[in-house]
Amino acid sequence: MTANLLDYDLDGLAAFCERLGEKRFRATQLFRWIHQKGAAQFDDMTDLAKSLREKLRTTAHIQAPVVLSQHISSDGTIKWLFDVGGGNAIETVFIPEDDRGTLCVSSQAGCAVGCRFCSTGHQGFSRNLNPAEIIGQLWFAEHFLRKHLGVDERVISNVVMMGMGEPLQNYQPVVQSLRVMLDDHGYGLSRRRVTVSTSGVVPKMDRLGQDCPVALAVSLHAPNDVLRDNLVPLNRSYPLQELMQACQRYLAFAPRDFITFEYCMLDGVNDTAVHAAELVQLIQSHGKQGWCKLNLIPFNPFPASGLKRSSNAAVQAFSKIVSDAGIITTVRKTRGDDIDAACGQLAGDVQDRTAVGKRIAKQRTFVLTPVFDAPESQRDNQP
């Protein structure tokens, strides 16, 4: 079996080339061809020695996950469904804005955390993605978008690990993929513009701060342990006190001077004035003013949850209480409901569409369906 070169960061690719009897600079050339230029065929890599290209043809290949379907919205938002084998599929979303282009990337097929308000979590967990499946989402999307938009320069400026899965429960492949994103010979993304979102896997938060510090977003969703145990089951392993302390430790290594807290607004569950006051107390008791930002997310309903979206009035009242306490607070726009692409909805109906998608893939066609809206990255996910 030949090696998929998307599985390697630059050091890994250098080791692979060394096994072929090649020097490191050849790995750098190869890495640039793959990630900067999007080359998938070795014959296209014109400055590589012919002897190396011949070796690569028999020992390696470049293959991202197969696209099962593609939806392009009227505003330029694109959602892809990728086949990762074994009946599993993942989703990836590109969100264009005036000042940046953000890609929301999946790290697992399904999710084991099981948050009550997340459609993906209700689907259950299938498996971790390997590095080629994670970075392959960015590789495919970046080079598709350049052709689609008719441009030569980089299109994707921000990556958020907020798609399917808990990134820190697939730690090593995620970190390896982050290194490719950050590498100047790869995508050259700023650490400030790459965000890992976690439900609070405390030991891996500490490791990430040491191994590959990028921007951090924490799915909070509740101001006390009793409520968070119910909404985010992982809290039973890493309760709020431990989580907040881990956030403070991460700040010492983070590329920004704040952590982003995500808070899904659920009608009558976590959205009252009492909850807002509790949240203020929780945040203020664990750090100086400005150490975090709060992102309020209107809930994107799905039938199995038994939950409802907070009213606009409740969201605004909640926002005012925490903002008046000096906590920078934003309300995320609600987008993507109609194509199940919004926060917490990714792959909610993947199993229903996978069989159809596989038939489409065999026919080597895309499904290009005009749809409206999809999720956008956090407003504070920019320098």
Protein backbone atom coordinates (compact mmCIF):
# COMPACT_ATOMS: atom_id res chain seq x y z
CA MET A 1 0.00 0.00 0.00
CA THR A 2 1.37 3.41 -0.92
CA ALA A 3 1.60 6.27 1.61
CA ASN A 4 -0.89 9.14 1.52
CA LEU A 5 1.34 12.21 1.72
CA LEU A 6 -1.46 14.25 3.29
CA ASP A 7 -0.80 12.16 6.40
CA TYR A 8 2.56 13.90 6.98
CA ASP A 9 3.63 17.21 8.45
CA LEU A 10 6.93 18.57 7.12
CA ASP A 11 9.08 16.57 9.53
CA GLY A 12 7.17 13.41 8.69
CA LEU A 13 7.52 14.07 4.98
CA ALA A 14 11.27 14.67 5.43
CA ALA A 15 11.56 11.27 7.15
CA PHE A 16 9.61 9.68 4.29
CA CYS A 17 11.93 11.25 1.72
CA GLU A 18 14.96 10.16 3.70
CA ARG A 19 13.73 6.56 3.43
CA LEU A 20 13.71 7.10 -0.33
CA GLY A 21 17.31 8.31 -0.21
CA GLU A 22 16.36 11.98 -0.68
CA LYS A 23 17.50 15.08 1.22
CA ARG A 24 15.24 17.30 3.34
CA PHE A 25 15.03 20.12 0.79
CA ARG A 26 13.21 17.69 -1.51
CA ALA A 27 10.59 17.21 1.20
CA THR A 28 10.17 20.99 1.45
CA GLN A 29 9.67 21.21 -2.32
CA LEU A 30 7.16 18.36 -2.22
CA PHE A 31 5.34 19.87 0.76
CA ARG A 32 4.94 23.18 -1.09
CA TRP A 33 3.63 21.46 -4.21
CA ILE A 34 1.02 19.58 -2.19
CA HIS A 35 -0.22 22.30 0.15
CA GLN A 36 0.58 25.63 -1.52
CA LYS A 37 -0.15 24.58 -5.10
CA GLY A 38 -2.64 21.77 -4.54
CA ALA A 39 -0.83 19.30 -6.78
CA ALA A 40 -2.15 15.74 -6.66
CA GLN A 41 -0.05 14.27 -9.49
CA PHE A 42 3.71 13.90 -9.16
CA ASP A 43 4.29 14.59 -12.87
CA ASP A 44 2.99 18.14 -12.26
CA MET A 45 5.81 18.83 -9.80
CA THR A 46 8.18 20.09 -12.44
CA ASP A 47 11.11 21.11 -10.26
CA LEU A 48 11.41 17.67 -8.64
CA ALA A 49 14.05 15.39 -10.09
CA LYS A 50 12.63 12.84 -12.52
CA SER A 51 14.15 10.06 -10.43
CA LEU A 52 12.25 11.26 -7.34
CA ARG A 53 8.99 11.51 -9.24
CA GLU A 54 9.43 7.93 -10.38
CA LYS A 55 10.04 6.81 -6.78
CA LEU A 56 6.95 8.69 -5.60
CA ARG A 57 4.72 7.12 -8.26
CA THR A 58 5.39 3.68 -6.79
CA THR A 59 5.48 4.58 -3.08
CA ALA A 60 3.02 7.42 -2.49
CA HIS A 61 -0.22 9.11 -3.43
CA ILE A 62 -2.12 12.31 -2.51
CA GLN A 63 -5.78 11.76 -1.69
CA ALA A 64 -8.29 13.79 0.31
CA PRO A 65 -11.61 12.23 1.38
CA VAL A 66 -14.04 11.77 -1.51
CA VAL A 67 -16.74 14.43 -1.88
CA LEU A 68 -20.23 12.95 -1.68
CA SER A 69 -22.17 16.17 -2.03
CA GLN A 70 -21.63 19.90 -2.22
CA HIS A 71 -24.07 22.71 -1.48
CA ILE A 72 -23.32 26.26 -2.61
CA SER A 73 -25.42 29.06 -1.15
CA SER A 74 -26.33 32.34 -2.78
CA ASP A 75 -23.91 34.21 -0.48
CA GLY A 76 -20.95 31.97 -1.34
CA THR A 77 -21.15 29.69 1.69
CA ILE A 78 -20.30 26.09 0.78
CA LYS A 79 -20.92 22.85 2.67
CA TRP A 80 -19.27 19.58 1.67
CA LEU A 81 -20.11 16.05 2.73
CA PHE A 82 -17.00 13.83 2.62
CA ASP A 83 -16.91 10.03 2.59
CA VAL A 84 -14.41 8.64 5.11
CA GLY A 85 -15.22 4.97 4.53
CA GLY A 86 -17.09 2.34 6.47
CA GLY A 87 -20.40 4.10 5.92
CA ASN A 88 -19.11 7.18 7.75
CA ALA A 89 -19.27 10.74 6.45
CA ILE A 90 -18.13 14.12 7.77
CA GLU A 91 -19.07 17.68 6.92
CA THR A 92 -16.97 20.77 6.29
CA VAL A 93 -18.23 24.33 5.85
CA PHE A 94 -16.63 27.37 4.20
CA ILE A 95 -17.91 30.77 5.33
CA PRO A 96 -16.86 33.78 3.21
CA GLU A 97 -16.87 37.25 4.70
CA ASP A 98 -15.56 40.60 3.54
CA ASP A 99 -12.36 40.46 5.58
CA ARG A 100 -11.68 36.72 5.74
CA GLY A 101 -12.63 33.24 4.63
CA THR A 102 -13.21 30.69 7.39
CA LEU A 103 -13.25 26.91 7.10
CA CYS A 104 -15.03 24.86 9.77
CA VAL A 105 -13.26 21.49 9.95
CA SER A 106 -14.31 18.14 11.46
CA SER A 107 -11.96 16.03 13.61
CA GLN A 108 -14.09 12.90 14.18
CA ALA A 109 -16.85 10.97 12.48
CA GLY A 110 -19.57 11.62 15.01
CA CYS A 111 -18.87 12.71 18.57
CA ALA A 112 -18.64 10.88 21.89
CA VAL A 113 -19.32 13.88 24.15
CA GLY A 114 -23.10 13.77 23.68
CA CYS A 115 -24.10 17.35 24.48
CA ARG A 116 -27.89 17.59 24.69
CA PHE A 117 -28.18 20.49 22.27
CA CYS A 118 -25.92 19.05 19.55
CA SER A 119 -27.42 17.06 16.69
CA THR A 120 -24.02 15.62 15.78
CA GLY A 121 -23.63 14.27 19.31
CA HIS A 122 -27.02 12.55 19.14
CA GLN A 123 -25.73 10.61 16.15
CA GLY A 124 -23.08 8.94 18.31
CA PHE A 125 -19.39 8.32 17.73
CA SER A 126 -17.92 6.24 14.89
CA ARG A 127 -14.17 6.89 14.86
CA ASN A 128 -11.33 9.40 14.93
CA LEU A 129 -10.14 10.94 11.68
CA ASN A 130 -6.53 10.48 10.61
CA PRO A 131 -4.35 13.48 9.65
CA ALA A 132 -5.01 13.02 5.91
CA GLU A 133 -8.76 13.17 6.56
CA ILE A 134 -8.43 16.31 8.69
CA ILE A 135 -5.93 18.30 6.62
CA GLY A 136 -7.54 16.86 3.47
CA GLN A 137 -10.62 18.99 4.19
CA LEU A 138 -8.49 22.15 4.07
CA TRP A 139 -6.42 20.90 1.10
CA PHE A 140 -9.52 20.15 -0.95
CA ALA A 141 -11.43 23.29 0.06
CA GLU A 142 -8.56 25.75 -0.50
CA HIS A 143 -7.70 24.54 -3.97
CA PHE A 144 -11.31 24.02 -5.03
CA LEU A 145 -12.10 27.58 -3.96
CA ARG A 146 -9.20 29.07 -5.92
CA LYS A 147 -10.53 27.44 -9.09
CA HIS A 148 -14.16 28.19 -8.22
CA LEU A 149 -13.43 31.88 -7.57
CA GLY A 150 -10.81 32.22 -10.31
CA VAL A 151 -8.04 33.47 -8.01
CA ASP A 152 -4.43 32.47 -7.38
CA GLU A 153 -4.02 33.84 -3.85
CA ARG A 154 -5.02 32.09 -0.64
CA VAL A 155 -8.77 32.04 -0.01
CA ILE A 156 -8.99 30.48 3.47
CA SER A 157 -7.51 32.78 6.12
CA ASN A 158 -9.08 31.21 9.24
CA VAL A 159 -9.66 27.62 10.33
CA VAL A 160 -11.93 26.65 13.21
CA MET A 161 -11.93 23.10 14.57
CA MET A 162 -15.64 23.37 15.30
CA GLY A 163 -17.04 20.76 12.93
CA MET A 164 -17.99 17.22 13.88
CA GLY A 165 -16.23 15.78 16.91
CA GLU A 166 -14.29 16.84 20.00
CA PRO A 167 -10.83 17.77 18.65
CA LEU A 168 -8.97 17.11 21.90
CA GLN A 169 -10.26 13.54 22.03
CA ASN A 170 -8.37 12.95 18.76
CA TYR A 171 -5.31 14.76 19.98
CA GLN A 172 -2.27 13.67 17.96
CA PRO A 173 -3.86 13.74 14.47
CA VAL A 174 -5.36 17.15 15.26
CA VAL A 175 -2.05 18.61 16.46
CA GLN A 176 -0.24 17.21 13.43
CA SER A 177 -2.86 18.82 11.18
CA LEU A 178 -2.53 22.13 13.04
CA ARG A 179 1.20 22.11 12.38
CA VAL A 180 0.59 21.74 8.64
CA MET A 181 -1.87 24.65 8.75
CA LEU A 182 0.68 26.85 10.55
CA ASP A 183 3.76 25.84 8.54
CA ASP A 184 5.03 28.60 6.23
CA HIS A 185 5.73 25.94 3.60
CA GLY A 186 2.14 24.73 3.97
CA TYR A 187 -0.78 27.12 4.51
CA GLY A 188 1.08 29.70 6.58
CA LEU A 189 -1.90 30.48 8.81
CA SER A 190 -1.44 32.63 11.91
CA ARG A 191 -1.86 30.95 15.30
CA ARG A 192 -4.36 33.70 16.06
CA ARG A 193 -6.46 32.62 13.09
CA VAL A 194 -6.61 28.91 13.90
CA THR A 195 -9.08 28.01 16.65
CA VAL A 196 -9.61 24.73 18.47
CA SER A 197 -13.00 24.39 20.12
CA THR A 198 -13.28 22.00 23.06
CA SER A 199 -15.95 20.91 25.51
CA GLY A 200 -13.26 20.95 28.18
CA VAL A 201 -10.85 17.98 27.98
CA VAL A 202 -8.64 19.48 30.65
CA PRO A 203 -5.48 17.31 30.38
CA LYS A 204 -5.36 17.80 26.59
CA MET A 205 -5.89 21.56 26.97
CA ASP A 206 -2.70 21.62 29.03
CA ARG A 207 -0.87 19.55 26.40
CA LEU A 208 -2.08 21.78 23.57
CA GLY A 209 -0.70 24.83 25.35
CA GLN A 210 2.71 23.14 25.38
CA ASP A 211 2.65 21.40 21.99
CA CYS A 212 0.87 23.73 19.59
CA PRO A 213 -0.84 26.77 21.16
CA VAL A 214 -3.53 28.24 18.93
CA ALA A 215 -6.65 30.24 19.72
CA LEU A 216 -8.94 28.38 22.12
CA ALA A 217 -12.73 28.32 22.32
CA VAL A 218 -14.43 26.47 25.18
CA SER A 219 -18.00 25.20 24.95
CA LEU A 220 -19.32 26.38 28.32
CA HIS A 221 -23.13 26.48 28.01
CA ALA A 222 -23.87 26.58 31.76
CA PRO A 223 -22.76 28.64 34.78
CA ASN A 224 -22.86 25.83 37.38
CA ASP A 225 -21.88 22.17 37.60
CA VAL A 226 -25.38 20.78 38.14
CA LEU A 227 -26.69 22.27 34.92
CA ARG A 228 -23.52 21.65 32.93
CA ASP A 229 -23.46 17.98 34.01
CA ASN A 230 -26.83 17.69 32.28
CA LEU A 231 -25.99 19.66 29.14
CA VAL A 232 -22.33 18.68 28.65
CA PRO A 233 -21.71 15.20 30.15
CA LEU A 234 -17.92 15.71 29.97
CA ASN A 235 -18.35 18.11 32.90
CA ARG A 236 -18.71 15.09 35.19
CA SER A 237 -15.06 14.28 34.48
CA TYR A 238 -13.75 17.85 34.38
CA PRO A 239 -16.03 20.16 36.39
CA LEU A 240 -16.10 23.91 36.06
CA GLN A 241 -13.46 24.68 38.70
CA GLU A 242 -10.93 22.44 36.91
CA LEU A 243 -11.95 23.78 33.51
CA MET A 244 -11.56 27.42 34.54
CA GLN A 245 -8.15 26.75 36.04
CA ALA A 246 -7.07 25.01 32.82
CA CYS A 247 -8.20 28.06 30.84
CA GLN A 248 -6.04 30.29 33.00
CA ARG A 249 -3.05 27.99 32.48
CA TYR A 250 -3.63 28.04 28.72
CA LEU A 251 -3.53 31.84 28.61
CA ALA A 252 0.18 31.74 29.44
CA PHE A 253 0.85 30.11 26.05
CA ALA A 254 -2.07 31.30 23.90
CA PRO A 255 -1.47 33.55 20.87
CA ARG A 256 -4.23 35.82 22.20
CA ASP A 257 -4.76 37.25 25.66
CA PHE A 258 -8.26 35.82 26.00
CA ILE A 259 -10.25 32.58 25.82
CA THR A 260 -13.57 32.49 23.99
CA PHE A 261 -16.49 30.89 25.83
CA GLU A 262 -19.35 29.56 23.71
CA TYR A 263 -22.78 29.53 25.29
CA CYS A 264 -25.77 27.98 23.49
CA MET A 265 -28.96 29.81 24.50
CA LEU A 266 -31.71 27.34 25.51
CA ASP A 267 -35.20 28.56 26.34
CA GLY A 268 -35.90 28.27 30.07
CA VAL A 269 -32.83 26.08 30.62
CA ASN A 270 -29.78 28.36 30.86
CA ASP A 271 -31.00 31.76 29.67
CA THR A 272 -32.50 33.51 32.71
CA ALA A 273 -31.24 36.55 34.57
CA VAL A 274 -30.20 34.24 37.42
CA HIS A 275 -28.06 32.20 35.02
CA ALA A 276 -26.51 35.38 33.63
CA ALA A 277 -25.60 36.60 37.12
CA GLU A 278 -24.11 33.19 37.94
CA LEU A 279 -22.06 33.30 34.76
CA VAL A 280 -20.70 36.74 35.63
CA GLN A 281 -19.68 35.48 39.07
CA LEU A 282 -18.02 32.38 37.57
CA ILE A 283 -15.97 34.41 35.09
CA GLN A 284 -15.01 37.23 37.43
CA SER A 285 -13.90 34.84 40.16
CA HIS A 286 -11.36 33.16 37.88
CA GLY A 287 -9.48 36.00 36.23
CA LYS A 288 -8.94 39.68 35.65
CA GLN A 289 -11.30 41.70 33.50
CA GLY A 290 -10.84 40.97 29.80
CA TRP A 291 -9.42 37.45 30.24
CA CYS A 292 -12.26 35.97 28.20
CA LYS A 293 -14.93 36.80 25.65
CA LEU A 294 -18.42 35.35 25.54
CA ASN A 295 -20.13 34.20 22.36
CA LEU A 296 -23.89 33.63 22.76
CA ILE A 297 -25.22 31.11 20.23
CA PRO A 298 -28.95 30.89 19.48
CA PHE A 299 -29.87 27.20 19.61
CA ASN A 300 -30.43 25.48 16.27
CA PRO A 301 -33.38 23.15 16.96
CA PHE A 302 -33.65 19.50 16.00
CA PRO A 303 -36.47 17.14 17.04
CA ALA A 304 -34.53 14.69 19.24
CA SER A 305 -33.26 17.36 21.62
CA GLY A 306 -36.52 18.32 23.29
CA LEU A 307 -35.09 21.84 23.60
CA LYS A 308 -36.17 25.22 22.25
CA ARG A 309 -34.31 28.32 21.14
CA SER A 310 -34.27 31.26 23.53
CA SER A 311 -36.32 34.23 22.40
CA ASN A 312 -34.49 37.23 20.98
CA ALA A 313 -35.61 39.21 24.01
CA ALA A 314 -34.12 36.64 26.39
CA VAL A 315 -30.84 36.59 24.46
CA GLN A 316 -30.59 40.37 24.51
CA ALA A 317 -31.45 40.58 28.21
CA PHE A 318 -28.84 37.94 29.03
CA SER A 319 -26.28 39.71 26.86
CA LYS A 320 -26.92 43.04 28.60
CA ILE A 321 -26.34 41.58 32.08
CA VAL A 322 -22.95 40.07 31.21
CA SER A 323 -21.91 43.03 29.05
CA ASP A 324 -22.78 45.50 31.81
CA ALA A 325 -20.46 43.48 34.06
CA GLY A 326 -17.57 44.28 31.71
CA ILE A 327 -17.47 40.95 29.82
CA ILE A 328 -17.12 41.39 26.05
CA THR A 329 -20.14 39.61 24.60
CA THR A 330 -21.28 38.90 21.06
CA VAL A 331 -24.35 37.13 19.69
CA ARG A 332 -23.61 34.79 16.83
CA LYS A 333 -25.79 35.16 13.77
CA THR A 334 -28.14 32.26 13.18
CA ARG A 335 -27.35 30.79 9.81
CA GLY A 336 -27.65 27.46 8.04
CA ASP A 337 -30.81 26.11 9.66
CA ASP A 338 -32.26 25.08 6.31
CA ILE A 339 -29.28 22.93 5.31
CA ASP A 340 -28.42 21.67 8.81
CA ALA A 341 -25.06 23.44 8.60
CA ALA A 342 -25.36 25.65 11.66
CA CYS A 343 -23.59 25.21 14.98
CA GLY A 344 -24.46 21.83 16.51
CA GLN A 345 -26.21 20.57 13.40
CA LEU A 346 -23.36 19.20 11.31
CA ALA A 347 -24.09 15.72 9.96
CA GLY A 348 -27.38 15.44 11.80
CA ASP A 349 -28.77 13.60 8.79
CA VAL A 350 -25.53 12.26 7.33
CA GLN A 351 -26.60 8.63 7.66
CA ASP A 352 -29.71 9.26 5.58
CA ARG A 353 -27.72 10.95 2.82
CA THR A 354 -24.60 8.81 2.76
CA ALA A 355 -26.04 6.00 0.63
CA VAL A 356 -27.30 8.50 -1.91
CA GLY A 357 -24.01 10.36 -1.80
CA LYS A 358 -22.04 7.21 -2.52
CA ARG A 359 -24.06 6.57 -5.64
CA ILE A 360 -23.37 10.15 -6.69
CA ALA A 361 -19.64 9.75 -6.02
CA LYS A 362 -19.51 6.64 -8.21
CA GLN A 363 -20.97 8.71 -11.02
CA ARG A 364 -18.18 11.29 -10.44
CA THR A 365 -20.62 14.18 -10.11
CA PHE A 366 -21.27 16.85 -7.51
CA VAL A 367 -24.63 17.83 -6.13
CA LEU A 368 -24.74 21.62 -6.62
CA THR A 369 -27.82 22.87 -4.83
CA PRO A 370 -28.54 26.57 -4.29
CA VAL A 371 -29.25 27.00 -0.60
CA PHE A 372 -29.19 29.86 1.85
CA ASP A 373 -26.80 30.57 4.68
CA ALA A 374 -24.51 28.41 6.77
CA PRO A 375 -22.62 28.95 10.02
CA GLU A 376 -20.14 31.78 10.37
CA SER A 377 -17.04 31.86 12.48
CA GLN A 378 -16.96 33.79 15.71
CA ARG A 379 -16.61 37.54 15.23
CA ASP A 380 -13.68 37.55 17.59
CA ASN A 381 -11.84 34.94 15.50
CA GLN A 382 -9.66 37.58 13.86
CA PRO A 383 -6.65 39.57 15.05
